[in-house]
């Protein structure tokens, strides 16, 4: 895919498509690539974030379907797509322990950016609205 700029493509994507895609991204699921194409995401973007994934044999490190461990799967890991979008928008996001918590922080940053909110230097979330005040319940202000 020489010549394709995934970041530029994401920035040109309609915000409603980005919102629809990030809404399902958690810290655990590996989604079929078609899921995001059906939501309107450019197929070339989806190809960039589609990878082969392997179970590691542990309960939390393995993929499951109908109660059975799946050794390998090809698809889009939610956090991979979220990080790709965050990087395309040039957002600064703090790290977190736990895949679910990290995914929630990434989703919130993307939503805040799309809503035109600025990053609060205190709580490090995109929650400063047009009033100039941070609206986060987590803020240390």
N, C-alpha and C. Protein backbone atom coordinates (compact mmCIF):
# COMPACT_ATOMS: atom_id res chain seq x y z
N UNK A 1 0.82 -1.19 0.00
CA UNK A 1 0.00 0.00 0.00
C UNK A 1 0.87 1.25 0.00
N UNK A 2 1.82 1.29 -0.86
CA UNK A 2 2.70 2.43 -0.98
C UNK A 2 1.89 3.66 -1.37
N UNK A 3 2.19 4.78 -0.69
CA UNK A 3 1.50 6.01 -1.01
C UNK A 3 0.24 6.24 -0.20
N UNK A 4 -0.20 5.28 0.57
CA UNK A 4 -1.41 5.46 1.38
C UNK A 4 -1.03 5.98 2.75
N UNK A 5 -1.58 7.12 3.13
CA UNK A 5 -1.33 7.73 4.43
C UNK A 5 -2.53 7.46 5.32
N UNK A 6 -2.38 6.48 6.21
CA UNK A 6 -3.51 6.08 7.07
C UNK A 6 -3.95 7.22 7.97
N UNK A 7 -3.01 8.00 8.48
CA UNK A 7 -3.37 9.12 9.35
C UNK A 7 -4.20 10.16 8.61
N UNK A 8 -3.79 10.49 7.41
CA UNK A 8 -4.54 11.45 6.62
C UNK A 8 -5.94 10.91 6.30
N UNK A 9 -6.02 9.63 5.98
CA UNK A 9 -7.31 9.01 5.68
C UNK A 9 -8.24 9.05 6.89
N UNK A 10 -7.70 8.82 8.07
CA UNK A 10 -8.51 8.87 9.29
C UNK A 10 -8.99 10.30 9.53
N UNK A 11 -8.11 11.28 9.37
CA UNK A 11 -8.50 12.67 9.59
C UNK A 11 -9.57 13.13 8.60
N UNK A 12 -9.61 12.52 7.41
CA UNK A 12 -10.62 12.87 6.40
C UNK A 12 -11.92 12.07 6.57
N UNK A 13 -11.91 11.09 7.46
CA UNK A 13 -13.10 10.25 7.66
C UNK A 13 -14.17 11.02 8.43
N UNK A 14 -15.40 10.86 8.01
CA UNK A 14 -16.52 11.52 8.67
C UNK A 14 -16.52 11.14 10.16
N UNK A 15 -16.64 12.11 11.05
CA UNK A 15 -16.64 11.82 12.48
C UNK A 15 -17.69 10.80 12.93
N UNK A 16 -18.83 10.77 12.25
CA UNK A 16 -19.86 9.79 12.63
C UNK A 16 -19.38 8.35 12.39
N UNK A 17 -18.55 8.16 11.38
CA UNK A 17 -17.98 6.83 11.11
C UNK A 17 -16.97 6.48 12.19
N UNK A 18 -16.11 7.43 12.55
CA UNK A 18 -15.13 7.19 13.61
C UNK A 18 -15.86 6.84 14.90
N UNK A 19 -16.91 7.60 15.24
CA UNK A 19 -17.68 7.33 16.47
C UNK A 19 -18.27 5.91 16.45
N UNK A 20 -18.84 5.52 15.32
CA UNK A 20 -19.45 4.19 15.22
C UNK A 20 -18.40 3.09 15.41
N UNK A 21 -17.22 3.32 14.89
CA UNK A 21 -16.16 2.31 14.99
C UNK A 21 -15.59 2.22 16.40
N UNK A 22 -15.34 3.37 17.03
CA UNK A 22 -14.71 3.32 18.35
C UNK A 22 -15.68 2.84 19.43
N UNK A 23 -16.96 2.99 19.18
CA UNK A 23 -17.96 2.61 20.18
C UNK A 23 -17.87 1.11 20.53
N UNK A 24 -17.48 0.29 19.59
CA UNK A 24 -17.42 -1.15 19.85
C UNK A 24 -16.04 -1.63 20.30
N UNK A 25 -15.05 -0.74 20.25
CA UNK A 25 -13.68 -1.14 20.59
C UNK A 25 -13.49 -1.18 22.10
N UNK A 26 -13.26 -2.35 22.61
CA UNK A 26 -12.93 -2.50 24.03
C UNK A 26 -11.50 -3.02 24.12
N UNK A 27 -11.10 -3.49 25.24
CA UNK A 27 -9.73 -3.94 25.39
C UNK A 27 -9.53 -5.42 25.10
N UNK A 28 -10.55 -6.10 24.61
CA UNK A 28 -10.46 -7.55 24.50
C UNK A 28 -10.77 -8.13 23.13
N UNK A 29 -11.73 -7.57 22.45
CA UNK A 29 -12.26 -8.19 21.23
C UNK A 29 -11.33 -8.08 20.03
N UNK A 30 -11.33 -9.14 19.24
CA UNK A 30 -10.73 -9.11 17.91
C UNK A 30 -11.92 -9.21 16.96
N UNK A 31 -12.13 -8.15 16.20
CA UNK A 31 -13.29 -8.05 15.32
C UNK A 31 -12.95 -8.46 13.89
N UNK A 32 -13.93 -8.99 13.19
CA UNK A 32 -13.76 -9.25 11.76
C UNK A 32 -13.56 -7.90 11.08
N UNK A 33 -12.65 -7.86 10.14
CA UNK A 33 -12.34 -6.60 9.44
C UNK A 33 -13.60 -6.02 8.79
N UNK A 34 -14.47 -6.86 8.28
CA UNK A 34 -15.68 -6.41 7.60
C UNK A 34 -16.57 -5.57 8.51
N UNK A 35 -16.50 -5.81 9.81
CA UNK A 35 -17.32 -5.06 10.77
C UNK A 35 -17.09 -3.56 10.62
N UNK A 36 -15.84 -3.17 10.47
CA UNK A 36 -15.50 -1.75 10.38
C UNK A 36 -15.76 -1.19 8.98
N UNK A 37 -15.59 -2.02 7.96
CA UNK A 37 -15.91 -1.60 6.60
C UNK A 37 -17.41 -1.34 6.51
N UNK A 38 -18.21 -2.21 7.13
CA UNK A 38 -19.67 -2.04 7.13
C UNK A 38 -20.09 -0.77 7.87
N UNK A 39 -19.29 -0.33 8.83
CA UNK A 39 -19.59 0.91 9.55
C UNK A 39 -19.15 2.14 8.77
N UNK A 40 -18.50 1.92 7.61
CA UNK A 40 -18.12 3.02 6.74
C UNK A 40 -16.65 3.39 6.75
N UNK A 41 -15.83 2.66 7.51
CA UNK A 41 -14.40 2.97 7.55
C UNK A 41 -13.75 2.51 6.26
N UNK A 42 -12.89 3.34 5.71
CA UNK A 42 -12.17 3.04 4.47
C UNK A 42 -11.48 1.68 4.59
N UNK A 43 -11.69 0.87 3.60
CA UNK A 43 -11.13 -0.49 3.60
C UNK A 43 -9.60 -0.47 3.76
N UNK A 44 -8.95 0.54 3.21
CA UNK A 44 -7.49 0.62 3.31
C UNK A 44 -7.05 0.87 4.75
N UNK A 45 -7.83 1.66 5.50
CA UNK A 45 -7.53 1.87 6.92
C UNK A 45 -7.67 0.55 7.66
N UNK A 46 -8.75 -0.15 7.38
CA UNK A 46 -9.01 -1.44 8.03
C UNK A 46 -7.89 -2.43 7.74
N UNK A 47 -7.41 -2.44 6.51
CA UNK A 47 -6.31 -3.34 6.15
C UNK A 47 -5.05 -3.06 6.98
N UNK A 48 -4.78 -1.79 7.26
CA UNK A 48 -3.60 -1.41 8.03
C UNK A 48 -3.66 -1.97 9.45
N UNK A 49 -4.85 -1.99 10.04
CA UNK A 49 -4.99 -2.43 11.44
C UNK A 49 -5.43 -3.89 11.58
N UNK A 50 -5.58 -4.59 10.47
CA UNK A 50 -5.94 -6.00 10.51
C UNK A 50 -4.67 -6.84 10.66
N UNK A 51 -4.66 -7.69 11.69
CA UNK A 51 -3.47 -8.48 12.00
C UNK A 51 -3.86 -9.90 12.38
N UNK A 52 -2.86 -10.77 12.40
CA UNK A 52 -3.05 -12.13 12.91
C UNK A 52 -2.81 -12.11 14.41
N UNK A 53 -3.69 -12.76 15.15
CA UNK A 53 -3.59 -12.81 16.61
C UNK A 53 -3.54 -14.26 17.05
N UNK A 54 -2.80 -14.51 18.13
CA UNK A 54 -2.66 -15.88 18.63
C UNK A 54 -3.02 -15.94 20.10
N UNK A 55 -3.73 -16.99 20.47
CA UNK A 55 -3.99 -17.24 21.89
C UNK A 55 -2.70 -17.70 22.53
N UNK A 56 -2.53 -17.36 23.82
CA UNK A 56 -1.32 -17.81 24.51
C UNK A 56 -1.56 -19.00 25.44
N UNK A 57 -2.79 -19.49 25.47
CA UNK A 57 -3.09 -20.66 26.29
C UNK A 57 -3.66 -20.31 27.66
N UNK A 58 -3.50 -19.05 28.09
CA UNK A 58 -4.05 -18.64 29.38
C UNK A 58 -5.50 -18.18 29.19
N UNK A 59 -6.24 -18.10 30.27
CA UNK A 59 -7.64 -17.68 30.18
C UNK A 59 -7.75 -16.26 29.63
N UNK A 60 -7.00 -15.31 30.19
CA UNK A 60 -7.11 -13.92 29.77
C UNK A 60 -6.32 -13.61 28.50
N UNK A 61 -5.38 -14.44 28.16
CA UNK A 61 -4.56 -14.19 26.99
C UNK A 61 -4.96 -15.00 25.77
N UNK A 62 -6.15 -15.60 25.83
CA UNK A 62 -6.62 -16.42 24.72
C UNK A 62 -7.92 -15.88 24.17
N UNK A 63 -8.20 -16.26 22.95
CA UNK A 63 -9.45 -15.88 22.30
C UNK A 63 -10.41 -17.05 22.42
N UNK A 64 -11.70 -16.72 22.57
CA UNK A 64 -12.71 -17.74 22.80
C UNK A 64 -13.90 -17.53 21.87
N UNK A 65 -14.48 -18.65 21.45
CA UNK A 65 -15.71 -18.61 20.67
C UNK A 65 -16.55 -19.79 21.09
N UNK A 66 -17.75 -19.52 21.54
CA UNK A 66 -18.67 -20.56 21.99
C UNK A 66 -18.03 -21.46 23.05
N UNK A 67 -17.26 -20.86 23.95
CA UNK A 67 -16.66 -21.60 25.05
C UNK A 67 -15.41 -22.38 24.69
N UNK A 68 -14.98 -22.31 23.46
CA UNK A 68 -13.79 -23.02 23.00
C UNK A 68 -12.68 -22.02 22.68
N UNK A 69 -11.45 -22.37 23.08
CA UNK A 69 -10.32 -21.51 22.77
C UNK A 69 -10.04 -21.56 21.27
N UNK A 70 -9.82 -20.38 20.69
CA UNK A 70 -9.47 -20.26 19.28
C UNK A 70 -7.97 -19.99 19.23
N UNK A 71 -7.19 -20.87 18.60
CA UNK A 71 -5.73 -20.69 18.62
C UNK A 71 -5.25 -19.46 17.87
N UNK A 72 -5.86 -19.14 16.73
CA UNK A 72 -5.46 -17.97 15.95
C UNK A 72 -6.70 -17.32 15.34
N UNK A 73 -6.58 -16.04 15.09
CA UNK A 73 -7.66 -15.31 14.42
C UNK A 73 -7.06 -14.12 13.69
N UNK A 74 -7.63 -13.81 12.56
CA UNK A 74 -7.21 -12.62 11.81
C UNK A 74 -8.33 -11.60 11.97
N UNK A 75 -7.95 -10.41 12.39
CA UNK A 75 -8.96 -9.38 12.56
C UNK A 75 -8.39 -8.11 13.14
N UNK A 76 -9.28 -7.25 13.59
CA UNK A 76 -8.92 -5.94 14.14
C UNK A 76 -9.08 -5.99 15.65
N UNK A 77 -7.98 -5.80 16.36
CA UNK A 77 -7.98 -5.72 17.81
C UNK A 77 -8.36 -4.29 18.16
N UNK A 78 -9.42 -4.12 18.95
CA UNK A 78 -9.95 -2.80 19.27
C UNK A 78 -8.90 -1.78 19.67
N UNK A 79 -8.03 -2.08 20.65
CA UNK A 79 -7.03 -1.09 21.05
C UNK A 79 -6.08 -0.68 19.91
N UNK A 80 -5.80 -1.57 19.01
CA UNK A 80 -4.93 -1.23 17.87
C UNK A 80 -5.58 -0.14 17.02
N UNK A 81 -6.88 -0.29 16.75
CA UNK A 81 -7.59 0.72 15.98
C UNK A 81 -7.66 2.03 16.77
N UNK A 82 -7.96 1.95 18.06
CA UNK A 82 -8.04 3.15 18.89
C UNK A 82 -6.72 3.92 18.90
N UNK A 83 -5.61 3.21 19.09
CA UNK A 83 -4.29 3.87 19.10
C UNK A 83 -3.98 4.49 17.74
N UNK A 84 -4.37 3.82 16.67
CA UNK A 84 -4.12 4.35 15.32
C UNK A 84 -4.88 5.66 15.12
N UNK A 85 -6.11 5.73 15.61
CA UNK A 85 -6.91 6.95 15.49
C UNK A 85 -6.32 8.05 16.37
N UNK A 86 -5.95 7.71 17.59
CA UNK A 86 -5.34 8.69 18.51
C UNK A 86 -4.08 9.29 17.88
N UNK A 87 -3.24 8.45 17.30
CA UNK A 87 -2.01 8.93 16.66
C UNK A 87 -2.32 9.79 15.44
N UNK A 88 -3.35 9.43 14.68
CA UNK A 88 -3.71 10.21 13.49
C UNK A 88 -4.15 11.62 13.87
N UNK A 89 -4.85 11.75 14.99
CA UNK A 89 -5.31 13.06 15.46
C UNK A 89 -4.24 13.79 16.26
N UNK A 90 -3.13 13.13 16.57
CA UNK A 90 -2.06 13.76 17.33
C UNK A 90 -2.43 14.02 18.78
N UNK A 91 -3.24 13.16 19.34
CA UNK A 91 -3.70 13.33 20.73
C UNK A 91 -2.67 12.79 21.71
N UNK A 92 -2.59 13.43 22.86
CA UNK A 92 -1.75 12.93 23.95
C UNK A 92 -2.67 12.20 24.91
N UNK A 93 -2.32 10.97 25.21
CA UNK A 93 -3.17 10.15 26.07
C UNK A 93 -2.30 9.47 27.12
N UNK A 94 -2.75 9.51 28.36
CA UNK A 94 -2.00 8.87 29.43
C UNK A 94 -2.22 7.35 29.37
N UNK A 95 -1.25 6.62 29.88
CA UNK A 95 -1.36 5.18 29.93
C UNK A 95 -2.23 4.73 31.09
N UNK A 96 -2.59 3.46 31.09
CA UNK A 96 -3.41 2.91 32.16
C UNK A 96 -3.07 1.44 32.34
N UNK A 97 -3.29 0.95 33.52
CA UNK A 97 -3.19 -0.48 33.75
C UNK A 97 -4.52 -1.10 33.38
N UNK A 98 -4.50 -2.15 32.63
CA UNK A 98 -5.73 -2.83 32.24
C UNK A 98 -6.14 -2.44 30.83
N UNK A 99 -6.43 -3.45 30.05
CA UNK A 99 -6.81 -3.21 28.65
C UNK A 99 -8.13 -2.47 28.52
N UNK A 100 -9.09 -2.81 29.37
CA UNK A 100 -10.39 -2.15 29.32
C UNK A 100 -10.30 -0.68 29.70
N UNK A 101 -9.55 -0.39 30.75
CA UNK A 101 -9.37 0.99 31.18
C UNK A 101 -8.65 1.79 30.11
N UNK A 102 -7.61 1.22 29.51
CA UNK A 102 -6.88 1.92 28.46
C UNK A 102 -7.79 2.19 27.27
N UNK A 103 -8.59 1.21 26.88
CA UNK A 103 -9.51 1.40 25.75
C UNK A 103 -10.50 2.53 26.05
N UNK A 104 -11.01 2.57 27.29
CA UNK A 104 -11.96 3.63 27.66
C UNK A 104 -11.31 5.00 27.59
N UNK A 105 -10.06 5.11 28.05
CA UNK A 105 -9.34 6.39 27.99
C UNK A 105 -9.12 6.81 26.54
N UNK A 106 -8.77 5.87 25.68
CA UNK A 106 -8.57 6.18 24.27
C UNK A 106 -9.87 6.63 23.61
N UNK A 107 -10.96 5.89 23.87
CA UNK A 107 -12.27 6.27 23.32
C UNK A 107 -12.67 7.68 23.78
N UNK A 108 -12.50 7.94 25.08
CA UNK A 108 -12.86 9.26 25.62
C UNK A 108 -12.04 10.37 24.97
N UNK A 109 -10.76 10.13 24.75
CA UNK A 109 -9.91 11.14 24.10
C UNK A 109 -10.39 11.42 22.68
N UNK A 110 -10.71 10.37 21.96
CA UNK A 110 -11.17 10.55 20.57
C UNK A 110 -12.51 11.28 20.56
N UNK A 111 -13.43 10.88 21.42
CA UNK A 111 -14.74 11.54 21.49
C UNK A 111 -14.58 13.01 21.87
N UNK A 112 -13.74 13.28 22.86
CA UNK A 112 -13.49 14.66 23.27
C UNK A 112 -12.94 15.49 22.13
N UNK A 113 -11.98 14.92 21.40
CA UNK A 113 -11.40 15.62 20.25
C UNK A 113 -12.48 15.91 19.21
N UNK A 114 -13.30 14.93 18.90
CA UNK A 114 -14.35 15.12 17.90
C UNK A 114 -15.39 16.14 18.37
N UNK A 115 -15.57 16.25 19.68
CA UNK A 115 -16.50 17.23 20.25
C UNK A 115 -15.88 18.61 20.40
N UNK A 116 -14.60 18.75 20.00
CA UNK A 116 -13.93 20.04 20.07
C UNK A 116 -13.42 20.41 21.45
N UNK A 117 -13.29 19.42 22.32
CA UNK A 117 -12.80 19.70 23.68
C UNK A 117 -11.28 19.69 23.71
N UNK A 118 -10.73 20.41 24.66
CA UNK A 118 -9.28 20.50 24.83
C UNK A 118 -8.84 19.60 25.97
N UNK A 119 -7.55 19.30 25.99
CA UNK A 119 -6.97 18.41 27.00
C UNK A 119 -6.70 19.18 28.29
N UNK A 120 -7.17 18.64 29.39
CA UNK A 120 -6.95 19.26 30.70
C UNK A 120 -5.56 18.87 31.20
N UNK A 121 -4.75 19.85 31.59
CA UNK A 121 -3.41 19.53 32.09
C UNK A 121 -3.42 18.83 33.46
N UNK A 122 -4.51 18.95 34.18
CA UNK A 122 -4.61 18.33 35.51
C UNK A 122 -4.96 16.85 35.43
N UNK A 123 -6.08 16.53 34.78
CA UNK A 123 -6.52 15.14 34.74
C UNK A 123 -6.11 14.42 33.46
N UNK A 124 -5.56 15.16 32.50
CA UNK A 124 -5.04 14.64 31.24
C UNK A 124 -6.13 14.02 30.36
N UNK A 125 -7.36 14.50 30.49
CA UNK A 125 -8.46 14.03 29.65
C UNK A 125 -8.95 15.18 28.76
N UNK A 126 -9.57 14.84 27.66
CA UNK A 126 -10.10 15.83 26.72
C UNK A 126 -11.49 16.24 27.18
N UNK A 127 -11.52 17.09 28.22
CA UNK A 127 -12.79 17.42 28.87
C UNK A 127 -12.97 18.91 29.13
N UNK A 128 -12.12 19.76 28.56
CA UNK A 128 -12.30 21.20 28.73
C UNK A 128 -13.23 21.68 27.61
N UNK A 129 -14.38 22.20 28.02
CA UNK A 129 -15.36 22.64 27.03
C UNK A 129 -15.20 24.12 26.71
N UNK A 130 -16.17 24.68 25.98
CA UNK A 130 -16.07 26.07 25.54
C UNK A 130 -16.03 27.07 26.70
N UNK A 131 -16.46 26.65 27.88
CA UNK A 131 -16.38 27.54 29.05
C UNK A 131 -14.96 27.66 29.58
N UNK A 132 -14.08 26.77 29.13
CA UNK A 132 -12.70 26.76 29.61
C UNK A 132 -12.51 25.95 30.88
N UNK A 133 -13.58 25.31 31.33
CA UNK A 133 -13.53 24.52 32.56
C UNK A 133 -13.50 23.03 32.25
N UNK A 134 -12.73 22.29 33.03
CA UNK A 134 -12.69 20.84 32.88
C UNK A 134 -13.99 20.25 33.42
N UNK A 135 -14.57 19.34 32.65
CA UNK A 135 -15.84 18.72 33.02
C UNK A 135 -15.67 17.28 33.51
N UNK A 136 -14.43 16.86 33.72
CA UNK A 136 -14.17 15.49 34.13
C UNK A 136 -14.39 15.28 35.62
N UNK A 137 -15.03 14.20 35.97
CA UNK A 137 -15.21 13.84 37.37
C UNK A 137 -13.89 13.39 37.99
N UNK A 138 -12.89 13.13 37.15
CA UNK A 138 -11.59 12.65 37.64
C UNK A 138 -10.59 13.77 37.85
N UNK A 139 -10.98 15.00 37.54
CA UNK A 139 -10.03 16.11 37.59
C UNK A 139 -9.62 16.44 39.02
N UNK A 140 -8.33 16.79 39.17
CA UNK A 140 -7.77 17.13 40.48
C UNK A 140 -7.86 18.62 40.76
N UNK A 141 -8.58 19.37 39.95
CA UNK A 141 -8.64 20.83 40.07
C UNK A 141 -9.16 21.29 41.42
